[in-house]
Each structure stands twice: as structure tokens, then as C-alpha cells.
């Protein structure tokens, strides 16, 4: 039986996290409500046994950790990501059309299904940077209104539309936000959200987001539909488990990285030194030398959690013959012969053992051998921190759509598995 209270918490988290910056701010609040102490990378850290801490980089990535009471054997880590495919606003985005319409100049962020963004209520959210008290300061913005729409071309003007269309992101996907006379109102709207004047905004990272809310779907409420399920489901589950379970013999860590959808090669991405920096600084405070750090890594484990493709009810031919997970079938362990996923025999066995201990089902995923798949955090993280690692996720449909579908029961399965992992 699915936990409706937990699902409601997940829905509230996703609905309140229209961008990576909002997702991290919400995770940070979750941590602070549970007594976690913020550590600044510019400061000297003080770490105590049984202490709870977190580090925020760029406002879009976060690493939280809990110290055990005794000398730790290693690290138990869950990794997820905060970003999702969407449209990012370009600089000076306002475009006036025939002195009648006002639209925005945007570009793709990540590999999105463009058609799913058409004819939906959209809005703009993200962060702006202003100067306050002689220092630069980031402020979150999210006007709570249906501010934009990307209108489809009428079928009368393209009779072949239902035969398939290739959308041009510079032509077909620019959002309409108002009449031409409203041009100055866009920046004023963003500035008002940041409690500054338009002239005080020195920089911005603004994105379009789908205004549709998460909801239960199906005559039996078996499924959930919502935006950004990839990968806010896993980020939420990882952090929820971290704050609710005391460590056993390991330092428990939950790391949520930005920019996975565009390759992770940023200072806050999984391909940065962020995780390594935090691990080294923890070990330094424990009085562990470089050899000791290597020994601790040798007894550590990472669960890389990023959603997986489920068997599609209308396209069974796209699934592998023997590895085709289904919604509500449990945690998906992901395999790839060319190591686009980090799973190997040992890490798969380790994850299966955790699932058995937690009493939750698991399934396997592999691409069809004639279909190229995506990648995730696992093999990127191993280039920075050489640790045993498994790639998993929750099964879902329509990955990278503006509205995705997943199983209502699978959230509880993932939470139970993470809790069991953190208690070991």
C-alpha cells in the first residue's frame, strides 16, 4: 500500500521546485529543519561525532552528511541531480513581433521532448544576482502566475502535422508572454519578485517551467504524473532517508548535483571536484592522512540514483528482450556493457542485498543493443572518487517530457532501500 502522506510530501517538493535553485533551497530547508549545520567552503570546518552538516555550491548543488558516533569505516553515499530539461532564457530575451506580441528568446537546456511544451501554461523562475551591502547576492524568483505559453501552429496551416514535424527551437518554441506594449513589464515582474529595481539586477539564470502540478493518475491511482520526476524523485528520497536515519558504521552522505542533463562538467556538477573536496575535508578533520583517505574510500559505496526507462505500454518493441522494468515493479538496477552505467557484478549484488534486507522488489534495465541509451552520474563520479558504485533509478515513462509518469508505489520502495543502506 503506497504511503499517501509521503507522496503528498514528494508532490509538494516537486511543485515547489520549478528550477534547480528552488530544489536545492527546499532541500536546504529540509536539512535546517532537522538541525543540520551549514558549512561554508571558504571557512574552517568544525566537525563532531554524530554531527549533521551540509555544503551548498552555487545554490544549485548540495552535499549533506551525518557523522556516526564511532570511528567511521567509510562513506555511504547517495547521489542524484537537481536539474531537468527545460528552456533557458537568453540575455535580453524580449522580442517584439509586429508591434503586437511580446515573446521571449530561449534556448534548450538538455535533451527535451519539445512537443510536450506546446500549449501548456508556463512561467519563469530561477535566480537573479544583485549587489547588496557591497557584495553580490543571489535571490530566487518565481512569479506565481501563468505567465507564458508556446502556441502550436494550427493544423490548417500545416496539414501534414500529424505525420510528424521537426520543431525548430529558434522558430517554433519561443514563448508568448504578452502584448508588445508590455515589454518593460517582464523585467519589472522579475525585479519585483527579487525585491529590487530592474536596474539593480546584474545577472540572471532564468528558465521556463511547466505549471502543471503533480497528481495521481489511473482508475486505481497506481501512477503519478508530474514535471521533473527525473530526477527530483530520487533527490527527495535520498535526502528524506538521510535526515530520518542514524548512521551505523559509516558517514552517511546525500549529494545532489546540478547540470547532469548537460554533461555535468561545471564547478557544481558531478564531474567537478565538489564531492572529492567534501570527502577530503571530512577526513582532514578526522585526522586521517592521504593513505587513510584511500583506505576509507576502499570501504565506501555510492548509489547513483537517476530514473530509468520503464516498459512502454504502446511500444513494447523499444524495450530489451529480458530487461524491461515496469511501473510499480520496484527499484531498477541499470546495466550497460560499455559502462555508461557504473553497475558491475559486485555493486549489483550489493544493491540487491540492500533491497532484500529492506523487503523491497528490484528489477533490471538494459538498452536494446541496437538503441543508444543515455548516461548518468555513476561513471562521471567514479572519475573523481574511485568507489564501488551502482546505478539505479525509479521506472518512469516519457523521460524528458514536460510531464512524466511513474509508479506511485515505487517511491516507498526507494525510501526503504535508502534507509536500509544508511543504517548499515
Protein backbone atom coordinates (compact mmCIF):
# COMPACT_ATOMS: atom_id res chain seq x y z
CA UNK A 1 0.00 0.00 0.00
CA UNK A 2 1.54 3.31 -1.03
CA UNK A 3 2.19 5.96 1.62
CA UNK A 4 -0.13 8.83 0.68
CA UNK A 5 1.44 11.18 3.22
CA UNK A 6 4.86 10.56 1.72
CA UNK A 7 3.53 11.03 -1.79
CA UNK A 8 2.00 14.35 -0.77
CA UNK A 9 5.37 15.47 0.59
CA UNK A 10 7.02 14.45 -2.69
CA UNK A 11 4.39 16.33 -4.70
CA UNK A 12 4.82 19.46 -2.59
CA UNK A 13 8.58 19.28 -3.04
CA UNK A 14 8.41 18.93 -6.82
CA UNK A 15 5.65 21.52 -7.24
CA UNK A 16 7.71 23.96 -5.17
CA UNK A 17 10.91 23.28 -7.10
CA UNK A 18 10.46 24.75 -10.59
CA UNK A 19 14.24 25.08 -11.08
CA UNK A 20 17.40 23.50 -9.70
CA UNK A 21 17.90 26.55 -7.47
CA UNK A 22 14.48 26.13 -5.87
CA UNK A 23 15.03 22.38 -5.46
CA UNK A 24 18.26 22.95 -3.55
CA UNK A 25 16.69 25.71 -1.44
CA UNK A 26 13.89 23.30 -0.48
CA UNK A 27 16.35 20.53 0.37
CA UNK A 28 18.34 23.02 2.42
CA UNK A 29 15.22 23.94 4.39
CA UNK A 30 14.53 20.25 4.98
CA UNK A 31 18.02 19.89 6.42
CA UNK A 32 17.87 23.01 8.56
CA UNK A 33 14.52 21.91 10.00
CA UNK A 34 16.30 18.74 11.14
CA UNK A 35 19.18 20.62 12.78
CA UNK A 36 21.82 20.32 10.06
CA UNK A 37 24.58 22.94 10.21
CA UNK A 38 25.63 24.78 7.06
CA UNK A 39 29.36 24.70 6.26
CA UNK A 40 30.84 27.38 4.01
CA UNK A 41 33.62 26.27 1.66
CA UNK A 42 35.52 29.48 2.49
CA UNK A 43 35.56 28.79 6.23
CA UNK A 44 37.44 26.41 8.51
CA UNK A 45 35.13 23.48 9.26
CA UNK A 46 34.37 22.11 12.70
CA UNK A 47 33.01 18.55 12.57
CA UNK A 48 31.94 16.45 15.56
CA UNK A 49 30.83 12.85 16.03
CA UNK A 50 27.07 12.50 15.44
CA UNK A 51 27.09 15.96 13.86
CA UNK A 52 24.85 16.81 10.89
CA UNK A 53 26.15 19.14 8.18
CA UNK A 54 25.63 20.33 4.62
CA UNK A 55 27.51 22.28 1.95
CA UNK A 56 25.85 24.31 -0.82
CA UNK A 57 27.72 25.12 -4.01
CA UNK A 58 26.34 27.66 -6.49
CA UNK A 59 22.89 27.42 -4.97
CA UNK A 60 22.17 24.52 -7.32
CA UNK A 61 24.10 21.60 -5.78
CA UNK A 62 24.21 20.34 -2.21
CA UNK A 63 26.05 17.69 -0.20
CA UNK A 64 24.70 16.75 3.24
CA UNK A 65 26.31 14.31 5.66
CA UNK A 66 25.78 12.76 9.08
CA UNK A 67 28.66 11.57 11.26
CA UNK A 68 28.40 8.29 13.19
CA UNK A 69 29.07 8.04 16.91
CA UNK A 70 32.14 5.84 16.46
CA UNK A 71 35.14 5.93 14.14
CA UNK A 72 33.72 5.57 10.62
CA UNK A 73 34.58 2.64 8.38
CA UNK A 74 33.90 4.63 5.22
CA UNK A 75 31.24 6.60 3.38
CA UNK A 76 27.74 5.50 2.39
CA UNK A 77 26.63 7.89 -0.35
CA UNK A 78 23.51 8.51 -2.43
CA UNK A 79 23.86 10.77 -5.46
CA UNK A 80 21.09 12.37 -7.54
CA UNK A 81 20.67 15.52 -9.63
CA UNK A 82 18.66 18.73 -9.29
CA UNK A 83 18.24 19.82 -12.92
CA UNK A 84 15.72 18.80 -15.59
CA UNK A 85 15.46 19.50 -19.34
CA UNK A 86 13.74 22.83 -19.99
CA UNK A 87 14.15 26.16 -21.77
CA UNK A 88 16.65 28.73 -20.52
CA UNK A 89 16.15 32.42 -21.20
CA UNK A 90 18.89 34.14 -23.17
CA UNK A 91 20.26 37.54 -22.24
CA UNK A 92 17.99 40.43 -23.30
CA UNK A 93 15.23 37.91 -24.07
CA UNK A 94 12.35 40.23 -25.04
CA UNK A 95 11.27 40.07 -28.71
CA UNK A 96 8.51 42.29 -30.11
CA UNK A 97 6.53 40.81 -33.04
CA UNK A 98 4.79 43.18 -35.49
CA UNK A 99 4.15 45.72 -32.74
CA UNK A 100 1.54 43.29 -31.43
CA UNK A 101 3.09 40.43 -29.41
CA UNK A 102 5.86 40.04 -26.87
CA UNK A 103 7.76 36.75 -26.79
CA UNK A 104 10.97 35.51 -25.17
CA UNK A 105 14.20 34.35 -26.77
CA UNK A 106 15.04 30.97 -25.23
CA UNK A 107 17.35 28.02 -25.85
CA UNK A 108 17.21 24.35 -24.99
CA UNK A 109 18.69 23.10 -21.73
CA UNK A 110 19.20 19.35 -22.01
CA UNK A 111 17.58 16.76 -24.26
CA UNK A 112 13.92 17.62 -24.04
CA UNK A 113 10.82 16.38 -25.89
CA UNK A 114 9.95 19.70 -27.49
CA UNK A 115 6.35 18.94 -28.48
CA UNK A 116 5.32 18.38 -24.86
CA UNK A 117 5.96 22.05 -24.05
CA UNK A 118 3.40 23.34 -26.54
CA UNK A 119 0.02 24.76 -25.47
CA UNK A 120 0.72 24.42 -21.75
CA UNK A 121 0.58 27.10 -19.03
CA UNK A 122 4.19 28.08 -18.33
CA UNK A 123 6.00 30.52 -16.10
CA UNK A 124 9.51 31.83 -15.48
CA UNK A 125 11.66 31.06 -12.45
CA UNK A 126 15.30 30.92 -11.39
CA UNK A 127 17.67 33.30 -9.71
CA UNK A 128 18.93 36.84 -10.15
CA UNK A 129 22.16 38.32 -8.81
CA UNK A 130 22.11 41.76 -7.21
CA UNK A 131 24.57 43.83 -5.22
CA UNK A 132 23.61 44.17 -1.57
CA UNK A 133 25.73 45.54 1.28
CA UNK A 134 28.68 45.82 -1.09
CA UNK A 135 28.52 42.12 -2.00
CA UNK A 136 26.89 40.08 -4.77
CA UNK A 137 23.81 38.17 -3.63
CA UNK A 138 21.63 35.56 -5.36
CA UNK A 139 17.87 35.79 -4.93
CA UNK A 140 15.28 33.25 -6.04
CA UNK A 141 12.42 34.39 -8.23
CA UNK A 142 9.23 32.59 -9.17
CA UNK A 143 6.21 34.70 -10.14
CA UNK A 144 3.29 32.50 -9.12
CA UNK A 145 1.25 33.00 -12.28
CA UNK A 146 0.63 31.54 -15.73
CA UNK A 147 2.98 33.93 -17.49
CA UNK A 148 3.71 32.26 -20.82
CA UNK A 149 2.57 29.78 -23.44
CA UNK A 150 4.16 28.29 -26.56
CA UNK A 151 1.30 28.15 -29.10
CA UNK A 152 1.14 25.40 -31.68
CA UNK A 153 0.68 26.18 -35.36
CA UNK A 154 -2.90 25.46 -36.42
CA UNK A 155 -3.36 22.25 -38.39
CA UNK A 156 -4.95 24.33 -41.19
CA UNK A 157 -1.52 25.88 -41.74
CA UNK A 158 0.31 22.55 -41.73
CA UNK A 159 -1.95 19.74 -42.93
CA UNK A 160 0.86 17.22 -42.53
CA UNK A 161 1.39 17.96 -38.83
CA UNK A 162 0.04 14.60 -37.69
CA UNK A 163 2.51 12.85 -39.99
CA UNK A 164 5.33 14.16 -37.85
CA UNK A 165 7.08 17.51 -37.51
CA UNK A 166 10.62 18.54 -36.64
CA UNK A 167 10.43 21.53 -34.34
CA UNK A 168 12.96 24.33 -34.74
CA UNK A 169 13.75 25.64 -31.23
CA UNK A 170 14.56 29.12 -32.55
CA UNK A 171 11.32 29.37 -34.52
CA UNK A 172 8.64 27.09 -33.09
CA UNK A 173 9.44 27.11 -29.38
CA UNK A 174 9.57 30.78 -28.37
CA UNK A 175 7.00 31.53 -25.62
CA UNK A 176 4.38 34.23 -25.92
CA UNK A 177 4.21 36.33 -22.73
CA UNK A 178 2.08 39.35 -23.56
CA UNK A 179 1.31 42.25 -25.84
CA UNK A 180 4.08 44.39 -27.33
CA UNK A 181 3.24 47.29 -25.05
CA UNK A 182 4.12 45.07 -22.05
CA UNK A 183 7.83 44.85 -22.92
CA UNK A 184 9.13 46.69 -19.86
CA UNK A 185 6.80 44.73 -17.58
CA UNK A 186 8.76 41.48 -17.93
CA UNK A 187 11.90 42.75 -16.20
CA UNK A 188 9.76 44.65 -13.72
CA UNK A 189 7.97 41.42 -12.82
CA UNK A 190 11.27 39.61 -12.18
CA UNK A 191 12.69 42.55 -10.24
CA UNK A 192 9.58 42.76 -8.05
CA UNK A 193 9.99 39.08 -7.14
CA UNK A 194 13.59 39.82 -6.09
CA UNK A 195 12.53 42.94 -4.17
CA UNK A 196 14.83 45.18 -6.20
CA UNK A 197 14.55 47.64 -9.07
CA UNK A 198 15.25 46.38 -12.62
CA UNK A 199 18.48 48.38 -12.70
CA UNK A 200 19.84 46.52 -9.68
CA UNK A 201 19.77 43.12 -11.43
CA UNK A 202 23.33 42.37 -12.58
CA UNK A 203 22.86 38.77 -13.74
CA UNK A 204 20.25 36.05 -14.01
CA UNK A 205 19.69 32.34 -14.61
CA UNK A 206 16.03 32.13 -15.64
CA UNK A 207 14.11 29.15 -17.02
CA UNK A 208 10.66 28.32 -18.31
CA UNK A 209 8.82 25.69 -16.31
CA UNK A 210 5.62 23.70 -16.67
CA UNK A 211 2.91 24.95 -14.32
CA UNK A 212 1.08 21.62 -14.16
CA UNK A 213 1.10 20.06 -10.70
CA UNK A 214 1.97 16.52 -9.64
CA UNK A 215 -1.03 14.22 -9.32
CA UNK A 216 -2.18 10.63 -9.00
CA UNK A 217 -3.22 9.03 -12.30
CA UNK A 218 -5.23 5.90 -13.13
CA UNK A 219 -8.55 4.39 -12.10
CA UNK A 220 -6.69 2.73 -9.22
CA UNK A 221 -4.36 5.69 -8.51
CA UNK A 222 -1.49 3.43 -9.46
CA UNK A 223 0.63 6.10 -11.15
CA UNK A 224 1.91 9.58 -10.58
CA UNK A 225 2.30 12.25 -13.24
CA UNK A 226 4.26 15.43 -12.87
CA UNK A 227 7.07 17.57 -14.20
CA UNK A 228 10.72 16.97 -13.24
CA UNK A 229 10.23 13.46 -11.83
CA UNK A 230 13.65 12.84 -13.37
CA UNK A 231 15.41 13.33 -11.03
CA UNK A 232 13.63 15.11 -8.18
CA UNK A 233 12.05 11.81 -7.10
CA UNK A 234 15.48 10.39 -6.28
CA UNK A 235 16.79 13.65 -4.80
CA UNK A 236 13.79 13.84 -2.46
CA UNK A 237 14.05 10.18 -1.45
CA UNK A 238 17.79 10.38 -0.80
CA UNK A 239 17.59 13.45 1.41
CA UNK A 240 14.46 12.24 3.24
CA UNK A 241 16.19 8.98 4.10
CA UNK A 242 19.34 10.81 5.23
CA UNK A 243 17.52 13.03 7.73
CA UNK A 244 15.43 10.16 9.12
CA UNK A 245 18.09 7.50 9.76
CA UNK A 246 21.06 7.48 12.11
CA UNK A 247 24.33 6.15 10.67
CA UNK A 248 25.62 2.72 11.53
CA UNK A 249 29.35 2.32 10.90
CA UNK A 250 29.60 4.79 8.03
CA UNK A 251 29.40 8.51 7.34
CA UNK A 252 26.08 8.94 5.55
CA UNK A 253 26.05 11.34 2.61
CA UNK A 254 23.43 12.57 0.16
CA UNK A 255 24.78 14.57 -2.78
CA UNK A 256 22.52 16.34 -5.29
CA UNK A 257 24.34 17.77 -8.30
CA UNK A 258 23.36 20.31 -10.93
CA UNK A 259 23.94 20.10 -14.70
CA UNK A 260 23.60 16.33 -15.15
CA UNK A 261 21.34 16.97 -18.14
CA UNK A 262 24.10 18.87 -19.96
CA UNK A 263 27.11 16.70 -19.13
CA UNK A 264 27.99 17.57 -15.50
CA UNK A 265 31.15 19.47 -16.50
CA UNK A 266 30.64 22.52 -14.28
CA UNK A 267 32.03 23.53 -10.89
CA UNK A 268 28.80 22.25 -9.29
CA UNK A 269 28.36 19.17 -11.50
CA UNK A 270 29.20 15.54 -10.79
CA UNK A 271 32.30 15.91 -12.96
CA UNK A 272 33.65 18.64 -10.67
CA UNK A 273 35.73 18.15 -7.52
CA UNK A 274 32.76 19.00 -5.29
CA UNK A 275 32.27 15.53 -3.82
CA UNK A 276 36.00 14.87 -3.56
CA UNK A 277 36.55 18.24 -1.88
CA UNK A 278 33.96 17.45 0.79
CA UNK A 279 35.26 13.93 1.43
CA UNK A 280 38.86 15.12 1.76
CA UNK A 281 37.89 17.89 4.16
CA UNK A 282 35.88 15.48 6.33
CA UNK A 283 38.85 13.13 6.51
CA UNK A 284 41.22 16.00 7.30
CA UNK A 285 39.05 16.96 10.28
CA UNK A 286 39.11 13.34 11.42
CA UNK A 287 42.90 13.43 11.41
CA UNK A 288 43.08 11.00 8.50
CA UNK A 289 46.13 11.27 6.23
CA UNK A 290 46.17 10.63 2.48
CA UNK A 291 46.72 6.89 2.85
CA UNK A 292 43.92 6.75 5.39
CA UNK A 293 41.64 8.58 2.96
CA UNK A 294 42.36 5.98 0.28
CA UNK A 295 41.64 3.19 2.76
CA UNK A 296 38.31 4.77 3.72
CA UNK A 297 37.34 5.06 0.05
CA UNK A 298 38.13 1.38 -0.41
CA UNK A 299 35.38 0.56 2.11
CA UNK A 300 32.82 3.03 0.72
CA UNK A 301 29.86 2.75 -1.62
CA UNK A 302 27.81 5.09 -3.81
CA UNK A 303 24.25 4.58 -5.01
CA UNK A 304 23.87 6.74 -8.11
CA UNK A 305 20.11 7.33 -8.30
CA UNK A 306 18.65 8.63 -11.56
CA UNK A 307 15.35 7.46 -13.02
CA UNK A 308 15.15 4.64 -15.55
CA UNK A 309 13.04 3.83 -18.62
CA UNK A 310 10.02 1.63 -17.96
CA UNK A 311 8.38 -0.70 -20.48
CA UNK A 312 6.09 1.50 -22.58
CA UNK A 313 2.54 0.12 -22.94
CA UNK A 314 2.31 1.25 -26.59
CA UNK A 315 5.88 0.49 -27.64
CA UNK A 316 6.98 -2.82 -26.17
CA UNK A 317 9.32 -3.18 -29.16
CA UNK A 318 11.58 -0.44 -27.72
CA UNK A 319 12.42 -2.50 -24.64
CA UNK A 320 15.18 -5.07 -24.22
CA UNK A 321 14.01 -8.66 -24.51
CA UNK A 322 14.82 -9.68 -20.93
CA UNK A 323 15.45 -6.43 -19.03
CA UNK A 324 12.26 -4.38 -19.18
CA UNK A 325 11.21 -2.84 -15.84
CA UNK A 326 7.62 -1.79 -15.22
CA UNK A 327 6.00 0.93 -13.13
CA UNK A 328 5.43 -0.18 -9.51
CA UNK A 329 7.77 -3.12 -10.06
CA UNK A 330 10.42 -1.77 -7.72
CA UNK A 331 13.88 -0.24 -7.90
CA UNK A 332 15.64 -0.53 -11.25
CA UNK A 333 19.29 -1.60 -11.37
CA UNK A 334 20.81 -0.27 -14.59
CA UNK A 335 23.40 -2.13 -16.69
CA UNK A 336 25.43 -1.15 -19.74
CA UNK A 337 28.12 -3.23 -21.44
CA UNK A 338 30.16 -0.16 -22.42
CA UNK A 339 29.92 1.20 -18.85
CA UNK A 340 27.65 4.17 -19.46
CA UNK A 341 26.25 2.88 -16.19
CA UNK A 342 28.71 2.07 -13.40
CA UNK A 343 26.98 -1.15 -12.27
CA UNK A 344 29.10 -4.31 -12.16
CA UNK A 345 28.56 -7.75 -10.64
CA UNK A 346 29.69 -6.71 -7.16
CA UNK A 347 27.76 -3.43 -6.97
CA UNK A 348 24.62 -5.09 -8.38
CA UNK A 349 24.86 -7.83 -5.74
CA UNK A 350 25.37 -5.21 -3.04
CA UNK A 351 22.24 -3.33 -4.16
CA UNK A 352 20.17 -6.49 -4.40
CA UNK A 353 21.22 -7.38 -0.86
CA UNK A 354 20.08 -3.97 0.36
CA UNK A 355 16.72 -4.42 -1.37
CA UNK A 356 16.27 -7.87 0.17
CA UNK A 357 17.10 -6.52 3.63
CA UNK A 358 14.61 -3.68 3.10
CA UNK A 359 11.96 -6.06 1.76
CA UNK A 360 11.50 -4.17 -1.50
CA UNK A 361 11.40 -5.53 -5.07
CA UNK A 362 14.04 -4.77 -7.67
CA UNK A 363 14.27 -5.14 -11.46
CA UNK A 364 16.91 -4.71 -14.14
CA UNK A 365 17.27 -2.39 -17.11
CA UNK A 366 19.47 -2.59 -20.18
CA UNK A 367 19.13 -0.85 -23.52
CA UNK A 368 18.24 -2.79 -26.61
CA UNK A 369 21.57 -3.49 -28.27
CA UNK A 370 20.52 -1.50 -31.34
CA UNK A 371 19.36 1.60 -29.42
CA UNK A 372 21.83 4.06 -27.92
CA UNK A 373 21.00 4.97 -24.33
CA UNK A 374 21.77 7.90 -22.09
CA UNK A 375 24.30 8.23 -19.31
CA UNK A 376 24.03 9.35 -15.70
CA UNK A 377 26.03 10.30 -12.62
CA UNK A 378 27.74 7.00 -11.85
CA UNK A 379 30.58 6.73 -14.32
CA UNK A 380 31.16 10.50 -14.07
CA UNK A 381 31.53 10.37 -10.29
CA UNK A 382 33.99 7.48 -10.46
CA UNK A 383 36.38 9.71 -12.42
CA UNK A 384 36.56 11.93 -9.32
CA UNK A 385 36.13 9.41 -6.49
CA UNK A 386 37.13 5.80 -7.08
CA UNK A 387 34.45 3.96 -5.11
CA UNK A 388 32.28 0.90 -5.68
CA UNK A 389 29.10 2.19 -7.29
CA UNK A 390 25.76 1.06 -8.64
CA UNK A 391 23.43 2.95 -10.99
CA UNK A 392 19.76 2.66 -10.09
CA UNK A 393 16.55 4.62 -10.55
CA UNK A 394 12.79 4.50 -10.42
CA UNK A 395 10.99 3.30 -13.56
CA UNK A 396 9.19 6.01 -15.50
CA UNK A 397 7.59 6.79 -18.83
CA UNK A 398 8.10 9.84 -21.08
CA UNK A 399 11.50 10.72 -19.66
CA UNK A 400 12.43 14.34 -20.52
CA UNK A 401 8.84 15.25 -21.29
CA UNK A 402 7.31 18.35 -19.73
CA UNK A 403 5.02 15.86 -17.92
CA UNK A 404 6.40 12.46 -16.88
CA UNK A 405 4.75 9.33 -15.46
CA UNK A 406 5.98 6.98 -12.73
CA UNK A 407 4.68 4.38 -10.27
CA UNK A 408 3.04 5.50 -7.02
CA UNK A 409 4.39 2.51 -5.05
CA UNK A 410 7.99 2.85 -6.21
CA UNK A 411 8.68 5.96 -4.11
CA UNK A 412 8.22 3.98 -0.90
CA UNK A 413 10.42 1.20 -2.23
CA UNK A 414 13.26 3.63 -2.86
CA UNK A 415 12.91 5.30 0.52
CA UNK A 416 13.01 1.94 2.32
CA UNK A 417 16.10 0.88 0.39
CA UNK A 418 17.92 4.15 1.12
CA UNK A 419 17.05 3.92 4.81
CA UNK A 420 18.39 0.37 4.99
CA UNK A 421 21.58 1.47 3.20
CA UNK A 422 22.12 4.37 5.59
CA UNK A 423 21.60 2.17 8.67
CA UNK A 424 24.31 -0.35 7.72
